[in-house]
Amino acid sequence: MDQLTPRVTVIPPKKITADNRDKYHQLRVAAYARVSTEQEEQQNSYQVQIDYYTDLINKKKEWTLAGIFADEGISGTQTKKRTEFNRMIRMCKNKKIDLIICKSISRFARNTVDCLEYVRQLKNLGIGVIFEKENINTLTMTSEFIISLYGSFAQAESESISKNVSWGVEKSFREGKVRYNYKYLLGYKKGIDGKPEIIPEEAETIKEIFSMFLDGASLESISKNLESRGRLTKQGGTSWSKASILNILQNEKYAGDALLQKTYTTDCISHRTVRNNGERAKYLVTDAHDAIIDRDTFNRVQTELARRNSKRKKSDKTITEQGKYSSKYALTDIMICGECGTPYRRCTWNVHGRKRIVWRCISRLDHGSKYCHNSPTIHEDKLHNTILKAINEYFDCKEDIRKILEQNVESVLTDLAQNESRHIEQRLREIDKARSDFISLIASGSVDEDSMDNEFQKLYDEEQRLQAKLQSIKEREKISQTEKEVLDQAINEIENAPCKLTEFDEIVIRKLIECVKVNSKTEIQIVFKGGFEVTAEIEA
């Protein structure tokens, strides 16, 4: 039997293209248009593109209009915010579009990855994209290289534009130009002259928030207070969150200043905005507008925020380091053990069915006498009476104490070494001038450049030493200024304090007392704001 020889017949592939998909039906053609800004030239404008594609599609008898999809004023680097683009893609997936026309790849996407991804998706659905400027039909082309190339050009253009915009924004920051978001800025509105104008009713709320916080109230108690009195937020609601109150307390605009570039955009593709923690320069514009809160009050609030946020031991059996701030008991924050330095905590004892409130060292509570051997338990009523008595004695001699504090303020101010700073700055100017004179001599040919190396090095070394010394003096000045503010606050509290206290007041305690140290079962040491100390006996 003869062996059969196999024969191969080639069946040509059926080309699925927008031109021959269906010769007897019109192709459903959609157009996508986008303008990034209102400043683009008129021929590329939003409305002109819509009119152009409507006319183009309707002129061809083999085409029928499936829709004009246009995004106005939206960046092309991301598709998730381009509403019309996403609606067009959904219609493609639902097989309601056969062909898409777009002016150029840069109009379709300025992100190479997105551009290729969507072209591939549409190609798998049998839907082509015609880019007019580049004369590309994605269904008939054999390689993605050309699209990748043009897409990369478009992305590079976006990155270049983004850098130019960022440079312009930062330049406006350096010039002190402040942009205000009045929608969320409680207390201000845009004035007739374009500058912030204070709204008295809202400003009163801001002042109350700062006052309550300095009086020792927690963020939660402030929010409840405002809600109970029906105080309105910027959006007109009566619900106050702790985060919104914290934002108000930290917002330097209420002190009349403006800190610029608190956040920045990482790149023009993701548009991700992150907090500026020192990666970029910040610009502080002082006295940018009228203040609602004086700068001294604002600074004291920032100090108090830092104090409350600082780590403090609560209990090894519960939360070991960061304790939640509570405005209920002032002594929780200021009362410490004289032996081990651990804070005291309020405890409730139940003795024969009767409740008794005492204060105990946390270390003693958690570990017995292992680390703290002799810390005493103090009954709350006796403790309160002793502190009340000490405060009233403090009031009785407040004139003498005020004089002591004022002398301390003067001693702080005289320690600023202002004269030394001026002398150093003068010498630095002289060094700078001497360097310029040497350069002029070299340029004129009067001296040889190599012969001046030693002189330049001497000037440089001296300049480095002086700058380091000047920086050290400025750091000391900052510390001294902080000390002065604490002393001024203490003087202010003395002047405004009541004559006598008849009952234990948590707010007054916070305002007047820095620390209560338990030395023994019968003695405590009270340190008032400003550093004035008294030793008080606890009644048996």
Protein backbone atom coordinates (compact mmCIF):
# COMPACT_ATOMS: atom_id res chain seq x y z
CA MET A 1 0.00 0.00 0.00
CA ASP A 2 1.34 3.42 -0.96
CA GLN A 3 2.14 5.69 1.97
CA LEU A 4 -0.04 8.81 2.04
CA THR A 5 1.75 12.14 1.87
CA PRO A 6 0.15 14.70 4.26
CA ARG A 7 -0.92 17.95 2.65
CA VAL A 8 -1.08 21.25 4.44
CA THR A 9 -3.59 23.90 3.41
CA VAL A 10 -3.04 27.39 4.82
CA ILE A 11 -6.22 29.10 6.01
CA PRO A 12 -5.43 32.85 6.18
CA PRO A 13 -6.22 34.54 9.52
CA LYS A 14 -9.30 36.65 9.74
CA LYS A 15 -8.20 40.17 10.46
CA ILE A 16 -10.30 41.70 13.18
CA THR A 17 -10.04 45.37 12.40
CA ALA A 18 -12.29 48.32 12.88
CA ASP A 19 -12.45 48.73 9.06
CA ASN A 20 -13.73 45.25 8.12
CA ARG A 21 -15.39 43.95 11.26
CA ASP A 22 -18.80 44.40 9.76
CA LYS A 23 -19.15 45.65 6.18
CA TYR A 24 -22.86 45.94 6.45
CA HIS A 25 -23.15 47.85 9.71
CA GLN A 26 -21.84 51.22 10.80
CA LEU A 27 -18.98 51.28 13.27
CA ARG A 28 -19.80 52.80 16.63
CA VAL A 29 -17.10 55.43 17.00
CA ALA A 30 -16.34 57.39 20.17
CA ALA A 31 -13.98 60.31 20.59
CA TYR A 32 -11.99 61.19 23.67
CA ALA A 33 -10.89 64.78 24.31
CA ARG A 34 -9.08 66.37 27.24
CA VAL A 35 -7.68 69.77 28.08
CA SER A 36 -5.41 70.07 31.11
CA THR A 37 -5.83 73.76 31.84
CA GLU A 38 -7.89 76.73 30.83
CA GLN A 39 -4.76 78.43 29.48
CA GLU A 40 -4.25 76.10 26.49
CA GLU A 41 -4.47 77.58 23.03
CA GLN A 42 -7.93 78.01 21.58
CA GLN A 43 -7.53 75.32 18.89
CA ASN A 44 -6.91 72.73 21.60
CA SER A 45 -9.67 73.92 23.89
CA TYR A 46 -12.31 71.72 25.39
CA GLN A 47 -15.29 72.90 23.31
CA VAL A 48 -13.35 73.06 20.03
CA GLN A 49 -12.30 69.41 20.38
CA ILE A 50 -15.90 68.33 21.05
CA ASP A 51 -17.19 70.21 17.99
CA TYR A 52 -14.40 68.84 15.80
CA TYR A 53 -15.00 65.18 16.62
CA THR A 54 -18.77 65.49 16.41
CA ASP A 55 -18.41 66.85 12.85
CA LEU A 56 -15.70 64.31 11.86
CA ILE A 57 -17.68 61.24 12.92
CA ASN A 58 -20.98 62.40 11.50
CA LYS A 59 -19.40 63.13 8.08
CA LYS A 60 -18.42 59.47 7.50
CA LYS A 61 -21.38 57.33 6.46
CA GLU A 62 -19.73 54.13 7.70
CA TRP A 63 -19.44 55.62 11.20
CA THR A 64 -22.05 56.38 13.79
CA LEU A 65 -21.45 58.53 16.84
CA ALA A 66 -21.16 56.43 20.03
CA GLY A 67 -20.38 59.41 22.20
CA ILE A 68 -17.99 62.27 22.86
CA PHE A 69 -16.12 61.74 26.13
CA ALA A 70 -14.35 64.80 27.42
CA ASP A 71 -12.57 65.61 30.66
CA GLU A 72 -11.94 69.28 31.31
CA GLY A 73 -9.16 70.55 33.56
CA ILE A 74 -8.09 67.04 34.67
CA SER A 75 -4.46 65.88 34.70
CA GLY A 76 -3.65 63.11 32.26
CA THR A 77 -1.09 61.44 34.51
CA GLN A 78 -3.77 59.45 36.32
CA THR A 79 -6.95 57.89 34.97
CA LYS A 80 -8.76 57.29 38.26
CA LYS A 81 -9.94 60.92 38.46
CA ARG A 82 -10.90 61.16 34.76
CA THR A 83 -14.62 60.46 35.01
CA GLU A 84 -15.44 60.55 31.31
CA PHE A 85 -12.43 58.41 30.37
CA ASN A 86 -13.48 55.72 32.83
CA ARG A 87 -17.09 55.86 31.55
CA MET A 88 -15.80 55.33 28.00
CA ILE A 89 -13.76 52.27 29.08
CA ARG A 90 -16.84 50.79 30.81
CA MET A 91 -18.88 51.20 27.60
CA CYS A 92 -16.09 49.47 25.66
CA LYS A 93 -16.22 46.51 28.04
CA ASN A 94 -20.00 46.41 27.55
CA LYS A 95 -19.37 46.20 23.75
CA LYS A 96 -21.08 49.51 22.99
CA ILE A 97 -18.05 51.04 21.22
CA ASP A 98 -16.08 49.69 18.20
CA LEU A 99 -13.48 52.40 17.67
CA ILE A 100 -11.98 55.33 19.61
CA ILE A 101 -10.46 58.47 18.12
CA CYS A 102 -8.09 60.67 20.11
CA LYS A 103 -6.05 63.70 19.04
CA SER A 104 -2.73 62.33 20.39
CA ILE A 105 -1.21 59.90 22.85
CA SER A 106 -0.57 62.78 25.27
CA ARG A 107 -4.34 63.48 25.27
CA PHE A 108 -5.07 59.80 25.96
CA ALA A 109 -2.56 59.46 28.82
CA ARG A 110 0.67 61.05 30.03
CA ASN A 111 1.59 57.93 31.94
CA THR A 112 3.34 55.27 29.83
CA VAL A 113 2.14 52.38 31.99
CA ASP A 114 -1.52 53.48 31.87
CA CYS A 115 -1.34 54.15 28.14
CA LEU A 116 -0.06 50.66 27.31
CA GLU A 117 -2.40 48.97 29.78
CA TYR A 118 -5.55 50.51 28.31
CA VAL A 119 -4.41 50.03 24.71
CA ARG A 120 -3.88 46.31 25.45
CA GLN A 121 -7.25 45.99 27.19
CA LEU A 122 -9.05 47.58 24.22
CA LYS A 123 -7.07 45.53 21.70
CA ASN A 124 -8.13 42.31 23.47
CA LEU A 125 -11.73 43.48 23.13
CA GLY A 126 -11.18 44.06 19.41
CA ILE A 127 -11.42 47.82 19.82
CA GLY A 128 -8.86 50.05 18.17
CA VAL A 129 -7.63 53.50 19.13
CA ILE A 130 -6.70 55.95 16.39
CA PHE A 131 -4.19 58.61 17.44
CA GLU A 132 -4.48 61.33 14.79
CA LYS A 133 -1.27 63.26 15.45
CA GLU A 134 0.94 60.16 15.43
CA ASN A 135 -1.13 58.45 12.64
CA ILE A 136 -1.39 55.24 14.68
CA ASN A 137 -4.18 52.64 14.67
CA THR A 138 -3.56 50.23 17.55
CA LEU A 139 -5.34 47.31 15.81
CA THR A 140 -3.27 47.43 12.63
CA MET A 141 0.14 48.16 14.15
CA THR A 142 2.47 45.17 14.78
CA SER A 143 4.51 46.52 17.72
CA GLU A 144 3.90 48.42 20.93
CA PHE A 145 7.28 50.08 20.63
CA ILE A 146 5.95 53.19 18.90
CA ILE A 147 3.21 53.71 21.53
CA SER A 148 5.76 53.15 24.31
CA LEU A 149 8.03 55.71 22.71
CA TYR A 150 5.35 58.38 22.30
CA GLY A 151 3.94 57.55 25.74
CA SER A 152 7.37 58.07 27.27
CA PHE A 153 7.62 61.45 25.54
CA ALA A 154 4.22 62.42 26.95
CA GLN A 155 5.20 61.29 30.46
CA ALA A 156 8.49 63.20 30.24
CA GLU A 157 6.54 66.30 29.21
CA SER A 158 4.28 65.90 32.26
CA GLU A 159 7.28 65.55 34.54
CA SER A 160 8.83 68.68 33.04
CA ILE A 161 5.59 70.65 33.47
CA SER A 162 5.28 69.35 37.04
CA LYS A 163 8.81 70.53 37.89
CA ASN A 164 8.08 73.97 36.45
CA VAL A 165 4.85 74.22 38.44
CA SER A 166 6.62 73.09 41.63
CA TRP A 167 9.35 75.66 41.06
CA GLY A 168 6.73 78.39 40.61
CA VAL A 169 4.90 77.36 43.77
CA GLU A 170 8.10 77.28 45.82
CA LYS A 171 9.11 80.67 44.41
CA SER A 172 5.80 82.10 45.64
CA PHE A 173 6.54 80.54 49.06
CA ARG A 174 9.93 82.25 49.19
CA GLU A 175 8.24 85.54 48.37
CA GLY A 176 5.83 85.02 51.29
CA LYS A 177 2.67 84.61 49.19
CA VAL A 178 0.11 82.77 51.33
CA ARG A 179 -2.88 80.85 50.01
CA TYR A 180 -5.78 80.53 52.44
CA ASN A 181 -8.33 77.71 52.37
CA TYR A 182 -11.23 79.60 53.91
CA LYS A 183 -13.53 76.59 53.57
CA TYR A 184 -11.80 74.93 56.53
CA LEU A 185 -10.27 77.94 58.31
CA LEU A 186 -12.55 78.69 61.25
CA GLY A 187 -12.46 82.32 62.35
CA TYR A 188 -11.58 83.91 59.01
CA LYS A 189 -13.17 84.86 55.70
CA LYS A 190 -11.80 86.51 52.59
CA GLY A 191 -11.95 90.28 53.03
CA ILE A 192 -12.72 92.94 50.44
CA ASP A 193 -8.98 93.59 49.99
CA GLY A 194 -8.37 89.87 49.41
CA LYS A 195 -6.74 89.38 52.81
CA PRO A 196 -8.14 87.30 55.71
CA GLU A 197 -10.79 89.07 57.76
CA ILE A 198 -11.68 87.92 61.28
CA ILE A 199 -15.22 86.65 61.91
CA PRO A 200 -15.97 87.74 65.54
CA GLU A 201 -18.36 84.88 66.43
CA GLU A 202 -16.00 82.19 65.12
CA ALA A 203 -12.97 83.92 66.64
CA GLU A 204 -14.66 83.71 70.06
CA THR A 205 -14.88 79.92 69.66
CA ILE A 206 -11.18 79.77 68.79
CA LYS A 207 -10.27 81.78 71.91
CA GLU A 208 -12.40 79.50 74.11
CA ILE A 209 -10.70 76.39 72.71
CA PHE A 210 -7.23 77.78 73.50
CA SER A 211 -8.34 78.95 76.96
CA MET A 212 -9.95 75.63 77.90
CA PHE A 213 -6.88 73.71 76.78
CA LEU A 214 -4.53 75.85 78.88
CA ASP A 215 -6.90 75.38 81.83
CA GLY A 216 -6.18 71.65 81.61
CA ALA A 217 -9.16 70.41 79.61
CA SER A 218 -8.58 67.39 77.38
CA LEU A 219 -9.47 67.39 73.69
CA GLU A 220 -12.47 65.18 74.43
CA SER A 221 -13.83 67.44 77.17
CA ILE A 222 -13.38 70.50 74.93
CA SER A 223 -15.36 68.83 72.13
CA LYS A 224 -18.16 67.86 74.53
CA ASN A 225 -18.25 71.39 75.94
CA LEU A 226 -18.60 72.94 72.49
CA GLU A 227 -21.25 70.44 71.43
CA SER A 228 -23.30 70.98 74.59
CA ARG A 229 -23.41 74.72 73.88
CA GLY A 230 -24.20 74.27 70.20
CA ARG A 231 -21.03 75.96 68.93
CA LEU A 232 -20.81 75.73 65.13
CA THR A 233 -17.94 74.33 63.11
CA LYS A 234 -16.74 75.96 59.89
CA GLN A 235 -19.14 73.74 57.94
CA GLY A 236 -22.05 74.82 60.14
CA GLY A 237 -22.34 71.57 62.11
CA THR A 238 -22.36 71.04 65.86
CA SER A 239 -20.24 67.87 65.97
CA TRP A 240 -16.65 68.49 67.07
CA SER A 241 -13.98 65.80 66.70
CA LYS A 242 -10.80 65.65 68.75
CA ALA A 243 -8.78 65.81 65.51
CA SER A 244 -10.42 69.10 64.46
CA ILE A 245 -9.70 70.67 67.86
CA LEU A 246 -6.09 69.48 67.73
CA ASN A 247 -5.72 71.01 64.25
CA ILE A 248 -6.99 74.34 65.59
CA LEU A 249 -4.56 74.26 68.52
CA GLN A 250 -1.62 73.51 66.20
CA ASN A 251 -2.57 75.97 63.45
CA GLU A 252 -0.09 78.85 63.45
CA LYS A 253 -2.48 80.98 61.37
CA TYR A 254 -4.41 81.82 64.55
CA ALA A 255 -1.26 83.57 65.81
CA GLY A 256 -1.08 85.62 62.60
CA ASP A 257 1.64 83.48 60.97
CA ALA A 258 1.63 81.08 58.03
CA LEU A 259 3.87 78.03 57.64
CA LEU A 260 4.18 77.14 53.96
CA GLN A 261 4.95 73.78 52.32
CA LYS A 262 3.73 71.63 55.21
CA THR A 263 3.04 68.95 52.60
CA TYR A 264 4.37 68.19 49.14
CA THR A 265 3.54 65.97 46.15
CA THR A 266 5.98 63.08 45.70
CA ASP A 267 5.66 62.84 41.89
CA CYS A 268 3.41 63.86 39.03
CA ILE A 269 2.28 60.29 38.29
CA SER A 270 0.81 59.13 41.60
CA HIS A 271 0.01 62.68 42.83
CA ARG A 272 0.57 61.34 46.35
CA THR A 273 0.73 64.11 48.94
CA VAL A 274 2.82 63.49 52.08
CA ARG A 275 3.66 65.50 55.18
CA ASN A 276 6.88 67.47 54.95
CA ASN A 277 9.04 66.20 57.81
CA GLY A 278 12.13 68.09 56.68
CA GLU A 279 12.58 66.56 53.23
CA ARG A 280 11.75 69.93 51.65
CA ALA A 281 12.28 73.49 52.85
CA LYS A 282 9.50 75.16 54.85
CA TYR A 283 8.76 78.89 54.84
CA LEU A 284 7.41 80.72 57.89
CA VAL A 285 5.67 84.02 57.13
CA THR A 286 5.25 85.99 60.38
CA ASP A 287 2.55 88.62 60.80
CA ALA A 288 0.95 87.49 57.55
CA HIS A 289 -2.52 88.59 58.74
CA ASP A 290 -4.43 89.71 61.84
CA ALA A 291 -4.09 87.26 64.72
CA ILE A 292 -6.92 85.83 66.82
CA ILE A 293 -4.58 84.40 69.48
CA ASP A 294 -1.57 86.28 70.80
CA ARG A 295 1.77 84.62 70.11
CA ASP A 296 2.55 84.04 73.81
CA THR A 297 -0.67 82.06 74.30
CA PHE A 298 -0.05 80.09 71.11
CA ASN A 299 3.50 79.18 72.22
CA ARG A 300 2.26 78.09 75.65
CA VAL A 301 -0.30 75.82 73.98
CA GLN A 302 2.45 74.20 71.84
CA THR A 303 4.50 73.62 74.99
CA GLU A 304 1.52 72.06 76.74
CA LEU A 305 0.81 69.85 73.71
CA ALA A 306 4.41 68.63 73.77
CA ARG A 307 4.15 67.94 77.51
CA ARG A 308 0.96 65.93 77.15
CA ASN A 309 2.35 63.97 74.22
CA SER A 310 5.60 63.13 76.00
CA LYS A 311 5.94 59.56 77.22
CA ARG A 312 5.14 59.03 80.86
CA LYS A 313 4.93 55.81 82.79
CA LYS A 314 1.47 54.64 83.68
CA SER A 315 1.69 51.02 84.79
CA ASP A 316 3.69 47.95 83.84
CA LYS A 317 0.52 45.91 84.23
CA THR A 318 -1.46 47.96 81.72
CA ILE A 319 0.10 50.46 79.35
CA THR A 320 3.80 50.60 80.04
CA GLU A 321 4.83 53.93 78.59
CA GLN A 322 2.32 56.17 76.84
CA GLY A 323 -0.54 57.05 79.14
CA LYS A 324 -3.70 58.69 77.82
CA TYR A 325 -3.97 62.28 78.99
CA SER A 326 -6.89 62.85 81.35
CA SER A 327 -8.13 66.26 82.41
CA LYS A 328 -9.95 64.84 85.44
CA TYR A 329 -7.15 64.78 88.03
CA ALA A 330 -4.40 67.38 87.91
CA LEU A 331 -2.18 65.47 90.35
CA THR A 332 -1.91 62.53 87.91
CA ASP A 333 0.43 64.63 85.78
CA ILE A 334 2.47 66.38 88.47
CA MET A 335 2.71 64.14 91.56
CA ILE A 336 5.85 61.96 91.80
CA CYS A 337 7.59 59.73 94.30
CA GLY A 338 10.53 61.42 96.09
CA GLU A 339 12.40 58.11 96.34
CA CYS A 340 12.20 56.60 92.83
CA GLY A 341 10.75 59.45 90.73
CA THR A 342 7.82 57.36 89.49
CA PRO A 343 4.43 59.12 89.16
CA TYR A 344 1.70 58.55 91.74
CA ARG A 345 -1.69 57.16 90.77
CA ARG A 346 -5.13 57.64 92.28
CA CYS A 347 -6.54 54.39 93.76
CA THR A 348 -9.82 53.44 95.41
CA TRP A 349 -9.67 51.22 98.48
CA ASN A 350 -12.65 49.35 99.80
CA VAL A 351 -12.29 48.93 103.56
CA HIS A 352 -15.15 47.19 105.36
CA GLY A 353 -17.56 48.29 102.65
CA ARG A 354 -16.41 51.90 102.80
CA LYS A 355 -14.56 53.49 99.88
CA ARG A 356 -11.40 55.42 100.56
CA ILE A 357 -9.38 57.38 97.97
CA VAL A 358 -5.58 57.24 98.23
CA TRP A 359 -2.55 58.07 96.05
CA ARG A 360 0.21 55.48 95.60
CA CYS A 361 3.53 55.18 93.74
CA ILE A 362 3.04 53.18 90.51
CA SER A 363 6.33 51.33 90.97
CA ARG A 364 5.22 50.28 94.46
CA LEU A 365 1.86 49.14 93.09
CA ASP A 366 3.41 47.03 90.34
CA HIS A 367 6.52 45.62 92.05
CA GLY A 368 6.01 46.02 95.78
CA SER A 369 9.16 47.15 97.60
CA LYS A 370 11.53 45.61 95.02
CA TYR A 371 12.53 48.94 93.44
CA CYS A 372 10.90 51.53 95.71
CA HIS A 373 11.24 50.64 99.37
CA ASN A 374 9.64 53.42 101.41
CA SER A 375 7.14 55.33 99.25
CA PRO A 376 4.10 56.14 101.43
CA THR A 377 0.40 55.91 100.65
CA ILE A 378 -1.24 59.35 100.92
CA HIS A 379 -4.95 59.84 101.68
CA GLU A 380 -6.51 62.15 99.13
CA ASP A 381 -8.43 64.39 101.56
CA LYS A 382 -5.28 65.06 103.63
CA LEU A 383 -3.27 65.63 100.45
CA HIS A 384 -5.80 68.14 99.11
CA ASN A 385 -5.93 70.02 102.41
CA THR A 386 -2.14 70.30 102.54
CA ILE A 387 -1.90 71.60 98.97
CA LEU A 388 -4.75 74.09 99.58
CA LYS A 389 -2.99 75.43 102.65
CA ALA A 390 0.30 75.81 100.74
CA ILE A 391 -1.41 77.63 97.85
CA ASN A 392 -3.15 80.07 100.21
CA GLU A 393 0.17 80.81 101.91
CA TYR A 394 1.62 81.31 98.44
CA PHE A 395 -1.12 83.88 97.73
CA ASP A 396 -0.44 85.67 101.01
CA CYS A 397 3.14 86.44 100.00
CA LYS A 398 2.58 86.69 96.25
CA GLU A 399 4.06 90.22 96.08
CA ASP A 400 7.40 88.97 97.39
CA ILE A 401 7.25 85.96 95.06
CA ARG A 402 6.44 88.18 92.09
CA LYS A 403 9.54 90.29 92.82
CA ILE A 404 11.69 87.13 92.96
CA LEU A 405 10.28 85.92 89.63
CA GLU A 406 10.83 89.33 88.02
CA GLN A 407 14.46 89.27 89.17
CA ASN A 408 14.77 85.80 87.61
CA VAL A 409 13.39 87.21 84.34
CA GLU A 410 16.05 89.94 84.38
CA SER A 411 18.82 87.43 85.08
CA VAL A 412 17.61 85.30 82.16
CA LEU A 413 17.60 88.27 79.80
CA THR A 414 21.10 89.43 80.78
CA ASP A 415 22.40 85.97 79.97
CA LEU A 416 21.57 86.30 76.27
CA ALA A 417 25.11 87.36 75.34
CA GLN A 418 23.77 89.83 72.81
CA ASN A 419 26.99 91.85 72.76
CA GLU A 420 29.04 88.77 71.96
CA SER A 421 26.68 87.91 69.10
CA ARG A 422 27.09 91.37 67.61
CA HIS A 423 30.88 91.18 67.80
CA ILE A 424 30.94 87.78 66.10
CA GLU A 425 28.62 88.95 63.34
CA GLN A 426 30.82 92.02 62.79
CA ARG A 427 33.94 89.84 62.54
CA LEU A 428 32.21 87.52 60.04
CA ARG A 429 31.45 90.52 57.83
CA GLU A 430 35.12 91.56 58.05
CA ILE A 431 36.23 88.05 57.03
CA ASP A 432 33.87 88.13 54.07
CA LYS A 433 35.28 91.51 52.97
CA ALA A 434 38.89 90.31 53.40
CA ARG A 435 38.14 87.28 51.21
CA SER A 436 36.66 89.55 48.52
CA ASP A 437 39.75 91.81 48.68
CA PHE A 438 42.06 88.79 48.18
CA ILE A 439 40.04 87.67 45.17
CA SER A 440 40.28 91.16 43.67
CA LEU A 441 44.07 91.13 44.09
CA ILE A 442 44.33 87.74 42.39
CA ALA A 443 42.07 88.91 39.53
CA SER A 444 44.20 92.03 38.97
CA GLY A 445 47.36 89.95 38.85
CA SER A 446 48.91 91.73 41.84
CA VAL A 447 49.49 88.47 43.71
CA ASP A 448 49.83 84.83 42.79
CA GLU A 449 46.83 82.60 43.55
CA ASP A 450 48.94 79.81 45.07
CA SER A 451 50.58 82.20 47.51
CA MET A 452 47.17 83.14 48.94
CA ASP A 453 46.09 79.57 49.77
CA ASN A 454 47.35 79.85 53.33
CA GLU A 455 45.52 83.16 53.90
CA PHE A 456 42.27 81.76 52.52
CA GLN A 457 42.58 78.73 54.79
CA LYS A 458 43.11 80.93 57.87
CA LEU A 459 40.01 82.96 57.03
CA TYR A 460 38.00 79.79 56.44
CA ASP A 461 39.07 78.20 59.76
CA GLU A 462 38.26 81.36 61.72
CA GLU A 463 34.91 81.68 59.97
CA GLN A 464 33.97 78.08 60.88
CA ARG A 465 34.88 78.62 64.55
CA LEU A 466 32.89 81.85 64.78
CA GLN A 467 29.83 80.39 63.06
CA ALA A 468 29.82 77.41 65.45
CA LYS A 469 30.10 79.77 68.43
CA LEU A 470 27.32 82.02 67.08
CA GLN A 471 25.05 78.98 66.63
CA SER A 472 25.71 77.93 70.23
CA ILE A 473 24.82 81.43 71.50
CA LYS A 474 21.58 81.42 69.48
CA GLU A 475 20.62 78.04 70.96
CA ARG A 476 21.21 79.47 74.45
CA GLU A 477 19.05 82.45 73.56
CA LYS A 478 16.21 80.13 72.56
CA ILE A 479 16.42 78.29 75.89
CA SER A 480 16.55 81.58 77.80
CA GLN A 481 13.54 82.89 75.89
CA THR A 482 11.59 79.74 76.82
CA GLU A 483 12.56 80.22 80.47
CA LYS A 484 11.43 83.85 80.29
CA GLU A 485 8.04 82.79 78.89
CA VAL A 486 7.57 80.32 81.77
CA LEU A 487 8.45 83.00 84.32
CA ASP A 488 6.17 85.56 82.65
CA GLN A 489 3.35 83.03 82.72
CA ALA A 490 3.94 82.38 86.42
CA ILE A 491 3.86 86.13 87.17
CA ASN A 492 0.64 86.48 85.18
CA GLU A 493 -0.99 83.61 87.10
CA ILE A 494 0.00 85.19 90.43
CA GLU A 495 -1.49 88.55 89.46
CA ASN A 496 -4.77 86.99 88.27
CA ALA A 497 -5.08 84.36 91.00
CA PRO A 498 -7.93 84.50 93.55
CA CYS A 499 -7.16 85.72 97.03
CA LYS A 500 -8.06 82.46 98.76
CA LEU A 501 -9.02 78.95 97.74
CA THR A 502 -11.81 77.34 99.75
CA GLU A 503 -11.87 74.05 97.84
CA PHE A 504 -9.49 71.99 95.72
CA ASP A 505 -9.66 73.33 92.12
CA GLU A 506 -8.07 71.17 89.40
CA ILE A 507 -7.75 74.11 86.98
CA VAL A 508 -5.98 76.35 89.52
CA ILE A 509 -3.66 73.49 90.46
CA ARG A 510 -2.59 73.09 86.83
CA LYS A 511 -2.04 76.82 86.41
CA LEU A 512 0.06 77.29 89.56
CA ILE A 513 1.91 74.04 90.35
CA GLU A 514 4.70 72.45 88.35
CA CYS A 515 5.34 69.42 90.55
CA VAL A 516 4.36 67.77 93.85
CA LYS A 517 7.07 65.51 95.27
CA VAL A 518 6.22 63.07 98.08
CA ASN A 519 9.18 62.99 100.50
CA SER A 520 7.54 61.01 103.28
CA LYS A 521 4.21 60.13 104.82
CA THR A 522 4.15 63.51 106.57
CA GLU A 523 5.94 65.79 104.08
CA ILE A 524 5.50 66.89 100.46
CA GLN A 525 7.51 69.37 98.41
CA ILE A 526 5.50 71.69 96.13
CA VAL A 527 7.23 73.36 93.15
CA PHE A 528 5.23 76.30 91.78
CA LYS A 529 5.46 77.53 88.19
CA GLY A 530 8.55 79.68 87.88
CA GLY A 531 10.60 77.48 90.25
CA PHE A 532 9.40 78.73 93.67
CA GLU A 533 9.43 75.79 96.13
CA VAL A 534 7.77 75.19 99.50
CA THR A 535 7.82 72.22 101.85
CA ALA A 536 4.46 71.39 103.45
CA GLU A 537 3.52 69.06 106.28
CA ILE A 538 0.70 66.55 105.86
CA GLU A 539 -1.58 66.50 108.89
CA ALA A 540 -1.70 63.20 110.73
